[in-house]
C-alpha atoms as a PDB file:
ATOM      1  CA  MET A   1     107.150  14.220 123.414  1.00  0.00           C
ATOM      2  CA  ILE A   2     109.469  17.280 123.159  1.00  0.00           C
ATOM      3  CA  LEU A   3     108.649  17.560 119.215  1.00  0.00           C
ATOM      4  CA  VAL A   4     104.683  17.527 120.205  1.00  0.00           C
ATOM      5  CA  ALA A   5     105.535  20.735 122.391  1.00  0.00           C
ATOM      6  CA  LEU A   6     107.226  22.495 120.157  1.00  0.00           C
ATOM      7  CA  ILE A   7     104.490  22.337 117.470  1.00  0.00           C
ATOM      8  CA  SER A   8     101.947  23.355 120.220  1.00  0.00           C
ATOM      9  CA  VAL A   9     103.977  26.370 121.080  1.00  0.00           C
ATOM     10  CA  MET A  10     104.103  27.837 117.214  1.00  0.00           C
ATOM     11  CA  SER A  11     100.432  27.102 116.784  1.00  0.00           C
ATOM     12  CA  LEU A  12      99.593  29.478 119.818  1.00  0.00           C
ATOM     13  CA  LEU A  13     102.335  32.136 118.280  1.00  0.00           C
ATOM     14  CA  ALA A  14     100.634  31.633 114.723  1.00  0.00           C
ATOM     15  CA  LEU A  15      97.472  32.261 116.355  1.00  0.00           C
ATOM     16  CA  ALA A  16      98.196  35.942 118.580  1.00  0.00           C
ATOM     17  CA  ALA A  17     100.385  37.403 114.972  1.00  0.00           C
ATOM     18  CA  PRO A  18      98.240  37.577 112.186  1.00  0.00           C
ATOM     19  CA  ALA A  19      99.772  37.904 108.568  1.00  0.00           C
ATOM     20  CA  SER A  20      99.896  40.971 107.103  1.00  0.00           C
ATOM     21  CA  ALA A  21      98.943  41.206 103.345  1.00  0.00           C
ATOM     22  CA  ASN A  22     102.306  40.727 102.302  1.00  0.00           C
ATOM     23  CA  GLY A  23     103.123  37.500 104.244  1.00  0.00           C
ATOM     24  CA  GLY A  24     104.842  39.724 106.793  1.00  0.00           C
ATOM     25  CA  ILE A  25     104.280  41.342 110.249  1.00  0.00           C
ATOM     26  CA  ALA A  26     100.855  43.267 110.390  1.00  0.00           C
ATOM     27  CA  ASP A  27     101.602  46.722 109.518  1.00  0.00           C
ATOM     28  CA  ALA A  28      99.789  47.750 112.948  1.00  0.00           C
ATOM     29  CA  GLU A  29     103.183  46.905 114.005  1.00  0.00           C
ATOM     30  CA  ARG A  30     105.927  48.227 111.239  1.00  0.00           C
ATOM     31  CA  LEU A  31     107.425  51.180 112.460  1.00  0.00           C
ATOM     32  CA  PRO A  32     107.064  54.420 110.480  1.00  0.00           C
ATOM     33  CA  GLU A  33     110.167  54.931 108.003  1.00  0.00           C
ATOM     34  CA  PRO A  34     111.317  58.214 108.179  1.00  0.00           C
ATOM     35  CA  GLY A  35     110.096  61.103 105.755  1.00  0.00           C
ATOM     36  CA  LEU A  36     107.054  59.339 104.921  1.00  0.00           C
ATOM     37  CA  ALA A  37     103.889  61.124 104.817  1.00  0.00           C
ATOM     38  CA  PRO A  38     101.113  60.880 107.555  1.00  0.00           C
ATOM     39  CA  GLY A  39      98.433  58.475 107.461  1.00  0.00           C
ATOM     40  CA  VAL A  40      94.881  58.896 106.645  1.00  0.00           C
ATOM     41  CA  GLY A  41      92.874  61.478 108.456  1.00  0.00           C
ATOM     42  CA  ASP A  42      96.352  62.664 109.906  1.00  0.00           C
ATOM     43  CA  ALA A  43      96.798  66.631 109.788  1.00  0.00           C
ATOM     44  CA  ILE A  44      99.705  67.744 106.904  1.00  0.00           C
ATOM     45  CA  PRO A  45     101.172  70.922 107.932  1.00  0.00           C
ATOM     46  CA  GLU A  46     101.712  73.809 104.956  1.00  0.00           C
ATOM     47  CA  LEU A  47     105.185  74.256 103.942  1.00  0.00           C
ATOM     48  CA  SER A  48     105.655  77.614 104.462  1.00  0.00           C
ATOM     49  CA  VAL A  49     107.748  80.168 101.133  1.00  0.00           C
ATOM     50  CA  HIS A  50     108.287  82.770 103.951  1.00  0.00           C
ATOM     51  CA  ASP A  51     111.623  81.790 104.848  1.00  0.00           C
ATOM     52  CA  ASP A  52     114.267  84.699 106.262  1.00  0.00           C
ATOM     53  CA  MET A  53     114.668  86.155 102.474  1.00  0.00           C
ATOM     54  CA  THR A  54     111.302  85.985 100.780  1.00  0.00           C
ATOM     55  CA  ILE A  55     109.133  89.269  99.440  1.00  0.00           C
ATOM     56  CA  GLU A  56     106.038  88.718  98.747  1.00  0.00           C
ATOM     57  CA  LEU A  57     104.088  90.900  96.416  1.00  0.00           C
ATOM     58  CA  LEU A  58     100.647  92.372  97.126  1.00  0.00           C
ATOM     59  CA  PRO A  59      97.945  92.333  94.856  1.00  0.00           C
ATOM     60  CA  SER A  60      96.966  95.399  95.538  1.00  0.00           C
ATOM     61  CA  ALA A  61      98.379  98.465  97.560  1.00  0.00           C
ATOM     62  CA  CYS A  62      98.385 102.043  98.429  1.00  0.00           C
ATOM     63  CA  SER A  63     101.096 104.515  98.880  1.00  0.00           C
ATOM     64  CA  ALA A  64     101.397 108.128  99.854  1.00  0.00           C
ATOM     65  CA  GLY A  65     104.299 109.115  97.593  1.00  0.00           C
ATOM     66  CA  PRO A  66     105.793 110.585  95.849  1.00  0.00           C
ATOM     67  CA  GLN A  67     107.388 107.567  95.215  1.00  0.00           C
ATOM     68  CA  ILE A  68     106.061 104.182  95.619  1.00  0.00           C
ATOM     69  CA  LEU A  69     107.937 102.428  97.999  1.00  0.00           C
ATOM     70  CA  LEU A  70     109.046  98.100  98.164  1.00  0.00           C
ATOM     71  CA  GLY A  71     107.887  98.347 101.652  1.00  0.00           C
ATOM     72  CA  GLU A  72     104.399  99.501 100.528  1.00  0.00           C
ATOM     73  CA  ILE A  73     103.258  96.857  98.066  1.00  0.00           C
ATOM     74  CA  ALA A  74     104.666  94.010  99.282  1.00  0.00           C
ATOM     75  CA  VAL A  75     105.564  91.795 102.601  1.00  0.00           C
ATOM     76  CA  LEU A  76     109.170  91.758 103.421  1.00  0.00           C
ATOM     77  CA  HIS A  77     110.101  88.194 105.256  1.00  0.00           C
ATOM     78  CA  VAL A  78     113.407  89.322 106.021  1.00  0.00           C
ATOM     79  CA  GLU A  79     114.539  88.786 109.702  1.00  0.00           C
ATOM     80  CA  ASP A  80     117.633  91.396 109.162  1.00  0.00           C
ATOM     81  CA  GLU A  81     116.572  94.196 110.147  1.00  0.00           C
ATOM     82  CA  ALA A  82     118.781  96.562 108.458  1.00  0.00           C
ATOM     83  CA  LEU A  83     118.601  94.533 105.157  1.00  0.00           C
ATOM     84  CA  ARG A  84     114.671  94.875 105.572  1.00  0.00           C
ATOM     85  CA  GLU A  85     114.847  98.713 106.043  1.00  0.00           C
ATOM     86  CA  GLU A  86     117.017  99.031 103.002  1.00  0.00           C
ATOM     87  CA  LEU A  87     114.387  97.307 100.925  1.00  0.00           C
ATOM     88  CA  HIS A  88     111.267  98.841 102.262  1.00  0.00           C
ATOM     89  CA  SER A  89     112.394 102.169 101.348  1.00  0.00           C
ATOM     90  CA  VAL A  90     113.565 101.077  97.482  1.00  0.00           C
ATOM     91  CA  GLY A  91     111.523 103.016  95.366  1.00  0.00           C
ATOM     92  CA  VAL A  92     109.600 101.368  92.488  1.00  0.00           C
ATOM     93  CA  GLY A  93     107.926 104.266  90.239  1.00  0.00           C
ATOM     94  CA  SER A  94     105.825 107.333  90.814  1.00  0.00           C
ATOM     95  CA  VAL A  95     102.820 107.561  92.451  1.00  0.00           C
ATOM     96  CA  PRO A  96      99.823 108.037  90.010  1.00  0.00           C
ATOM     97  CA  LEU A  97      97.402 111.325  90.401  1.00  0.00           C
ATOM     98  CA  PRO A  98      94.967 111.245  93.314  1.00  0.00           C
ATOM     99  CA  GLY A  99      91.808 108.962  92.026  1.00  0.00           C
ATOM    100  CA  SER A 100      93.881 106.998  89.615  1.00  0.00           C
ATOM    101  CA  SER A 101      96.032 103.762  89.800  1.00  0.00           C
ATOM    102  CA  ARG A 102      98.913 102.083  88.031  1.00  0.00           C
ATOM    103  CA  LYS A 103     100.379  98.488  87.592  1.00  0.00           C
ATOM    104  CA  VAL A 104     104.294  97.610  89.035  1.00  0.00           C
ATOM    105  CA  ASN A 105     105.112  94.314  87.765  1.00  0.00           C
ATOM    106  CA  LEU A 106     107.739  91.898  89.349  1.00  0.00           C
ATOM    107  CA  GLY A 107     110.315  93.023  86.808  1.00  0.00           C
ATOM    108  CA  GLN A 108     110.349  96.582  87.525  1.00  0.00           C
ATOM    109  CA  VAL A 109     110.864  95.983  91.256  1.00  0.00           C
ATOM    110  CA  GLN A 110     113.959  93.708  90.425  1.00  0.00           C
ATOM    111  CA  VAL A 111     115.208  96.722  88.368  1.00  0.00           C
ATOM    112  CA  ARG A 112     114.827  98.641  90.917  1.00  0.00           C
ATOM    113  CA  MET A 113     116.516  96.585  92.920  1.00  0.00           C
ATOM    114  CA  ARG A 114     119.784  96.089  91.172  1.00  0.00           C
ATOM    115  CA  ALA A 115     120.053  99.985  91.233  1.00  0.00           C
ATOM    116  CA  ARG A 116     120.292  99.753  94.780  1.00  0.00           C
ATOM    117  CA  LYS A 117     122.902  97.293  94.309  1.00  0.00           C
ATOM    118  CA  ILE A 118     120.949  94.438  95.983  1.00  0.00           C
ATOM    119  CA  ASP A 119     120.825  91.581  94.178  1.00  0.00           C
ATOM    120  CA  PRO A 120     117.708  90.087  93.437  1.00  0.00           C
ATOM    121  CA  ALA A 121     118.295  86.514  93.143  1.00  0.00           C
ATOM    122  CA  LYS A 122     119.535  86.314  96.711  1.00  0.00           C
ATOM    123  CA  PHE A 123     115.628  86.287  97.573  1.00  0.00           C
ATOM    124  CA  VAL A 124     112.451  84.241  97.044  1.00  0.00           C
ATOM    125  CA  PHE A 125     109.825  86.347  95.395  1.00  0.00           C
ATOM    126  CA  ALA A 126     106.320  85.044  96.228  1.00  0.00           C
ATOM    127  CA  GLY A 127     102.590  86.379  95.832  1.00  0.00           C
ATOM    128  CA  ALA A 128     101.148  88.460  93.333  1.00  0.00           C
ATOM    129  CA  SER A 129     103.081  88.896  89.454  1.00  0.00           C
ATOM    130  CA  GLU A 130     102.003  92.860  89.575  1.00  0.00           C
ATOM    131  CA  VAL A 131     100.481  94.850  92.143  1.00  0.00           C
ATOM    132  CA  MET A 132      98.065  97.541  91.236  1.00  0.00           C
ATOM    133  CA  VAL A 133      98.747 100.772  93.117  1.00  0.00           C
ATOM    134  CA  GLU A 134      96.342 103.690  93.924  1.00  0.00           C
ATOM    135  CA  ALA A 135      97.450 106.807  95.246  1.00  0.00           C
ATOM    136  CA  ALA A 136      96.743 107.772  99.004  1.00  0.00           C
ATOM    137  CA  ALA A 137      94.391 110.611  98.816  1.00  0.00           C
ATOM    138  CA  ARG A 138      91.879 112.674 101.009  1.00  0.00           C
ATOM    139  CA  ARG A 139      88.499 114.204  99.352  1.00  0.00           C
ATOM    140  CA  ILE A 140      87.813 117.973  99.879  1.00  0.00           C
ATOM    141  CA  ALA A 141      84.076 118.125  99.387  1.00  0.00           C
ATOM    142  CA  ALA A 142      83.006 120.354  96.936  1.00  0.00           C
ATOM    143  CA  GLN A 143      80.794 122.586  99.416  1.00  0.00           C
ATOM    144  CA  ASP A 144      83.828 123.220 101.007  1.00  0.00           C
ATOM    145  CA  LEU A 145      85.564 124.275  97.912  1.00  0.00           C
ATOM    146  CA  GLU A 146      82.226 126.439  96.787  1.00  0.00           C
ATOM    147  CA  ALA A 147      82.356 128.114 100.650  1.00  0.00           C
ATOM    148  CA  ALA A 148      85.844 129.062  99.881  1.00  0.00           C
ATOM    149  CA  ALA A 149      85.374 130.995  96.703  1.00  0.00           C
ATOM    150  CA  ILE A 150      81.748 132.886  98.162  1.00  0.00           C
ATOM    151  CA  ASN A 151      84.115 134.156 101.220  1.00  0.00           C
ATOM    152  CA  ALA A 152      86.568 135.225  98.981  1.00  0.00           C
ATOM    153  CA  VAL A 153      84.329 137.313  96.954  1.00  0.00           C
ATOM    154  CA  CYS A 154      82.394 138.447 100.195  1.00  0.00           C
ATOM    155  CA  ALA A 155      85.656 139.406 101.516  1.00  0.00           C
ATOM    156  CA  SER A 156      86.586 141.381  97.902  1.00  0.00           C
ATOM    157  CA  THR A 157      83.516 143.486  98.657  1.00  0.00           C
ATOM    158  CA  GLY A 158      84.510 144.371 102.011  1.00  0.00           C
ATOM    159  CA  HIS A 159      82.050 142.250 103.338  1.00  0.00           C
ATOM    160  CA  ALA A 160      79.226 144.288 101.554  1.00  0.00           C
ATOM    161  CA  LEU A 161      77.971 140.996 100.219  1.00  0.00           C
ATOM    162  CA  SER A 162      77.427 138.197 101.945  1.00  0.00           C
ATOM    163  CA  PRO A 163      77.218 134.009 101.588  1.00  0.00           C
ATOM    164  CA  SER A 164      73.168 134.458 100.967  1.00  0.00           C
ATOM    165  CA  ASN A 165      73.635 136.817  97.865  1.00  0.00           C
ATOM    166  CA  PHE A 166      75.389 134.103  95.704  1.00  0.00           C
ATOM    167  CA  ARG A 167      74.308 131.066  93.551  1.00  0.00           C
ATOM    168  CA  VAL A 168      76.899 128.482  92.508  1.00  0.00           C
ATOM    169  CA  ALA A 169      76.376 128.706  88.994  1.00  0.00           C
ATOM    170  CA  ARG A 170      79.361 125.988  87.816  1.00  0.00           C
ATOM    171  CA  THR A 171      81.914 124.543  89.532  1.00  0.00           C
ATOM    172  CA  ASP A 172      84.669 122.771  88.160  1.00  0.00           C
ATOM    173  CA  ALA A 173      84.702 119.998  90.703  1.00  0.00           C
ATOM    174  CA  PRO A 174      80.916 118.632  91.233  1.00  0.00           C
ATOM    175  CA  GLN A 175      82.086 115.683  93.060  1.00  0.00           C
ATOM    176  CA  GLY A 176      84.737 117.542  94.964  1.00  0.00           C
ATOM    177  CA  LEU A 177      88.687 117.385  95.031  1.00  0.00           C
ATOM    178  CA  LEU A 178      91.157 114.314  95.662  1.00  0.00           C
ATOM    179  CA  VAL A 179      94.418 115.686  96.662  1.00  0.00           C
ATOM    180  CA  PRO A 180      97.280 114.254  98.520  1.00  0.00           C
ATOM    181  CA  PRO A 181      97.058 113.437 102.547  1.00  0.00           C
ATOM    182  CA  GLY A 182      98.405 115.991 104.625  1.00  0.00           C
ATOM    183  CA  GLU A 183      97.633 119.349 106.154  1.00  0.00           C
ATOM    184  CA  VAL A 184      95.139 121.258 103.704  1.00  0.00           C
ATOM    185  CA  ARG A 185      94.162 124.877 103.350  1.00  0.00           C
ATOM    186  CA  LEU A 186      91.812 126.270 100.595  1.00  0.00           C
ATOM    187  CA  GLU A 187      93.193 129.558  99.073  1.00  0.00           C
ATOM    188  CA  ALA A 188      90.984 131.416  96.818  1.00  0.00           C
ATOM    189  CA  GLN A 189      91.665 134.405  94.350  1.00  0.00           C
ATOM    190  CA  VAL A 190      88.826 136.864  92.693  1.00  0.00           C
ATOM    191  CA  ALA A 191      88.981 137.238  88.949  1.00  0.00           C
ATOM    192  CA  PRO A 192      88.323 140.488  87.996  1.00  0.00           C
ATOM    193  CA  THR A 193      84.698 140.852  86.792  1.00  0.00           C
ATOM    194  CA  GLY A 194      82.731 142.306  84.136  1.00  0.00           C
ATOM    195  CA  ALA A 195      80.910 145.274  83.893  1.00  0.00           C
ATOM    196  CA  ASP A 196      77.773 143.835  86.121  1.00  0.00           C
ATOM    197  CA  MET A 197      79.121 141.620  88.048  1.00  0.00           C
ATOM    198  CA  ALA A 198      76.232 139.184  87.864  1.00  0.00           C
ATOM    199  CA  PHE A 199      79.071 136.176  87.325  1.00  0.00           C
ATOM    200  CA  VAL A 200      82.248 136.327  89.167  1.00  0.00           C
ATOM    201  CA  ARG A 201      84.961 133.735  88.684  1.00  0.00           C
ATOM    202  CA  VAL A 202      87.170 132.256  91.633  1.00  0.00           C
ATOM    203  CA  ARG A 203      89.798 130.106  91.545  1.00  0.00           C
ATOM    204  CA  VAL A 204      90.482 128.244  94.397  1.00  0.00           C
ATOM    205  CA  ARG A 205      93.546 126.284  95.466  1.00  0.00           C
ATOM    206  CA  ALA A 206      94.378 123.202  97.451  1.00  0.00           C
ATOM    207  CA  MET A 207      97.576 123.644  99.189  1.00  0.00           C
ATOM    208  CA  VAL A 208      98.548 120.313 101.186  1.00  0.00           C
ATOM    209  CA  ASP A 209     101.722 121.003 103.575  1.00  0.00           C
ATOM    210  CA  GLY A 210     102.232 124.589 101.766  1.00  0.00           C
ATOM    211  CA  MET A 211     102.627 123.380  98.473  1.00  0.00           C
ATOM    212  CA  GLU A 212      99.608 123.714  96.278  1.00  0.00           C
ATOM    213  CA  ALA A 213      98.603 120.568  94.986  1.00  0.00           C
ATOM    214  CA  ARG A 214      95.451 121.508  92.666  1.00  0.00           C
ATOM    215  CA  SER A 215      93.210 123.959  91.778  1.00  0.00           C
ATOM    216  CA  VAL A 216      89.811 124.321  90.252  1.00  0.00           C
ATOM    217  CA  LEU A 217      86.989 127.094  88.826  1.00  0.00           C
ATOM    218  CA  VAL A 218      84.277 127.933  90.953  1.00  0.00           C
ATOM    219  CA  TRP A 219      81.839 130.327  88.653  1.00  0.00           C
ATOM    220  CA  LEU A 220      79.269 131.965  91.335  1.00  0.00           C
ATOM    221  CA  GLU A 221      76.233 134.136  90.531  1.00  0.00           C
ATOM    222  CA  ILE A 222      75.505 137.154  92.501  1.00  0.00           C
ATOM    223  CA  THR A 223      71.962 137.117  93.196  1.00  0.00           C
ATOM    224  CA  ALA A 224      72.191 140.769  95.173  1.00  0.00           C
ATOM    225  CA  PRO A 225      70.218 143.335  93.485  1.00  0.00           C
ATOM    226  CA  PRO A 226      71.665 146.714  92.530  1.00  0.00           C
ATOM    227  CA  VAL A 227      71.525 149.252  94.778  1.00  0.00           C
ATOM    228  CA  VAL A 228      72.992 152.021  92.879  1.00  0.00           C
ATOM    229  CA  ALA A 229      71.243 153.340  89.704  1.00  0.00           C
ATOM    230  CA  GLN A 230      72.390 154.855  86.712  1.00  0.00           C
ATOM    231  CA  LEU A 231      72.655 158.563  87.166  1.00  0.00           C
ATOM    232  CA  GLY A 232      71.958 158.397  90.944  1.00  0.00           C
ATOM    233  CA  ALA A 233      74.334 160.658  93.125  1.00  0.00           C
ATOM    234  CA  VAL A 234      76.391 158.901  95.496  1.00  0.00           C
ATOM    235  CA  THR A 235      79.314 159.555  97.705  1.00  0.00           C
ATOM    236  CA  LEU A 236      82.958 159.011  96.524  1.00  0.00           C
ATOM    237  CA  VAL A 237      85.381 158.355  99.358  1.00  0.00           C
ATOM    238  CA  VAL A 238      89.065 158.910  98.037  1.00  0.00           C
ATOM    239  CA  GLU A 239      91.349 157.307  99.925  1.00  0.00           C
ATOM    240  CA  ALA A 240      95.308 157.857 100.029  1.00  0.00           C
ATOM    241  CA  GLY A 241      96.835 155.767 102.578  1.00  0.00           C
ATOM    242  CA  ASP A 242      95.450 157.139 105.920  1.00  0.00           C
ATOM    243  CA  VAL A 243      93.679 159.977 104.374  1.00  0.00           C
ATOM    244  CA  ARG A 244      90.215 159.926 103.323  1.00  0.00           C
ATOM    245  CA  ILE A 245      88.340 162.748 101.077  1.00  0.00           C
ATOM    246  CA  SER A 246      84.643 162.566 100.307  1.00  0.00           C
ATOM    247  CA  VAL A 247      83.158 164.006  97.140  1.00  0.00           C
ATOM    248  CA  PRO A 248      79.846 163.938  95.462  1.00  0.00           C
ATOM    249  CA  ALA A 249      79.548 162.142  92.350  1.00  0.00           C
ATOM    250  CA  VAL A 250      77.416 160.665  89.479  1.00  0.00           C
ATOM    251  CA  ALA A 251      77.161 156.876  88.980  1.00  0.00           C
ATOM    252  CA  LEU A 252      77.260 156.349  85.647  1.00  0.00           C
ATOM    253  CA  GLN A 253      75.761 152.789  85.581  1.00  0.00           C
ATOM    254  CA  ASP A 254      74.016 150.438  88.154  1.00  0.00           C
ATOM    255  CA  GLY A 255      75.803 148.841  90.585  1.00  0.00           C
ATOM    256  CA  ARG A 256      75.927 145.721  93.303  1.00  0.00           C
ATOM    257  CA  PRO A 257      77.564 146.178  96.504  1.00  0.00           C
ATOM    258  CA  GLY A 258      81.035 145.383  95.462  1.00  0.00           C
ATOM    259  CA  GLN A 259      81.246 145.800  91.805  1.00  0.00           C
ATOM    260  CA  ARG A 260      83.473 148.007  90.605  1.00  0.00           C
ATOM    261  CA  ILE A 261      81.199 150.762  88.144  1.00  0.00           C
ATOM    262  CA  ARG A 262      82.231 154.469  86.483  1.00  0.00           C
ATOM    263  CA  VAL A 263      81.257 157.300  88.371  1.00  0.00           C
ATOM    264  CA  ARG A 264      81.986 161.181  87.469  1.00  0.00           C
ATOM    265  CA  ASN A 265      83.299 163.576  90.340  1.00  0.00           C
ATOM    266  CA  ALA A 266      80.826 165.833  90.086  1.00  0.00           C
ATOM    267  CA  VAL A 267      83.360 168.868  91.410  1.00  0.00           C
ATOM    268  CA  THR A 268      86.134 168.006  88.575  1.00  0.00           C
ATOM    269  CA  GLY A 269      84.152 166.200  86.239  1.00  0.00           C
ATOM    270  CA  ILE A 270      86.910 163.296  86.001  1.00  0.00           C
ATOM    271  CA  VAL A 271      85.193 159.643  85.505  1.00  0.00           C
ATOM    272  CA  VAL A 272      87.032 157.223  87.822  1.00  0.00           C
ATOM    273  CA  GLN A 273      86.059 153.461  88.763  1.00  0.00           C
ATOM    274  CA  ALA A 274      85.156 153.092  92.191  1.00  0.00           C
ATOM    275  CA  ARG A 275      83.729 150.073  93.968  1.00  0.00           C
ATOM    276  CA  VAL A 276      80.229 150.426  95.312  1.00  0.00           C
ATOM    277  CA  LEU A 277      79.956 149.983  99.212  1.00  0.00           C
ATOM    278  CA  ASP A 278      76.025 151.060  99.755  1.00  0.00           C
ATOM    279  CA  SER A 279      73.075 152.657  98.354  1.00  0.00           C
ATOM    280  CA  GLN A 280      75.048 155.786  98.637  1.00  0.00           C
ATOM    281  CA  THR A 281      78.804 155.152  98.939  1.00  0.00           C
ATOM    282  CA  VAL A 282      81.425 154.622  96.251  1.00  0.00           C
ATOM    283  CA  ARG A 283      85.035 154.273  97.062  1.00  0.00           C
ATOM    284  CA  ALA A 284      88.117 154.638  94.818  1.00  0.00           C
ATOM    285  CA  HIS A 285      91.989 155.133  95.438  1.00  0.00           C
ATOM    286  CA  ALA A 286      94.210 158.160  94.541  1.00  0.00           C
ATOM    287  CA  GLY A 287      95.697 156.574  91.942  1.00  0.00           C
ATOM    288  CA  ASP A 288      92.144 156.092  90.374  1.00  0.00           C
ATOM    289  CA  MET A 289      91.916 159.204  90.051  1.00  0.00           C
ATOM    290  CA  GLU A 290      93.638 159.430  86.755  1.00  0.00           C
ATOM    291  CA  GLY A 291      90.222 159.092  84.988  1.00  0.00           C
ATOM    292  CA  SER A 292      89.037 161.275  81.890  1.00  0.00           C
ATOM    293  CA  PRO A 293      86.704 164.269  82.096  1.00  0.00           C
END
């Protein structure tokens, strides 16, 4: 009777615990072993390479210059704040000209780090093997360059000419001008003009933070007609400091407002260069009176 009871109990236990494919306890009842991968359908956590000593190079970057800094072309996964700041300031090359680009590779970065007494072997490098770096820049519109040139010519004529008296014949920067970021100021210098002043050339300089960044030439055609006719009578105003003397004169050539033309002093017969102010007046300085009769 006792033997029969034991056999019955063992049979019941066998039915309650089905065997696995390998003849042992069912897999569902196994305890997971340490280090085993999650089962099918479980999320696999991504392993991050961004430990506290990783330099991750970017595929492209923009630098304000004049030196490209490591902190501009890489993400610095460095917990030590002082070391991170030092790495950020490592220069890895010169910034290209505005509108152009250059490549900086991993080897160049490591050479510049060694030059700063920073051992690259202490870091993990991730990301791109080279970085395409563009210069940070701002564009000065072509119309702003042309306006600066026109205003300079108007000022040189004592504003006898207005902006409506000009046509832009040619410019070195038809698409505008790229300059480094900063406080921009345009300065224009009028070149000496020819006899008829039909065309005038102006050099426009783009000053960034007080320093010349780039310059271009603008050629202007003056569309205003001559207001002084050859052999016409004009008044020659001669200035010497605060003293002004007016004498009659004869224009020896046609003249537009602002143009310098040859005139003959009707009193002395001396020929001088004088600037046309209007249809009846030309102006010269005392030093210009050393002409020829």
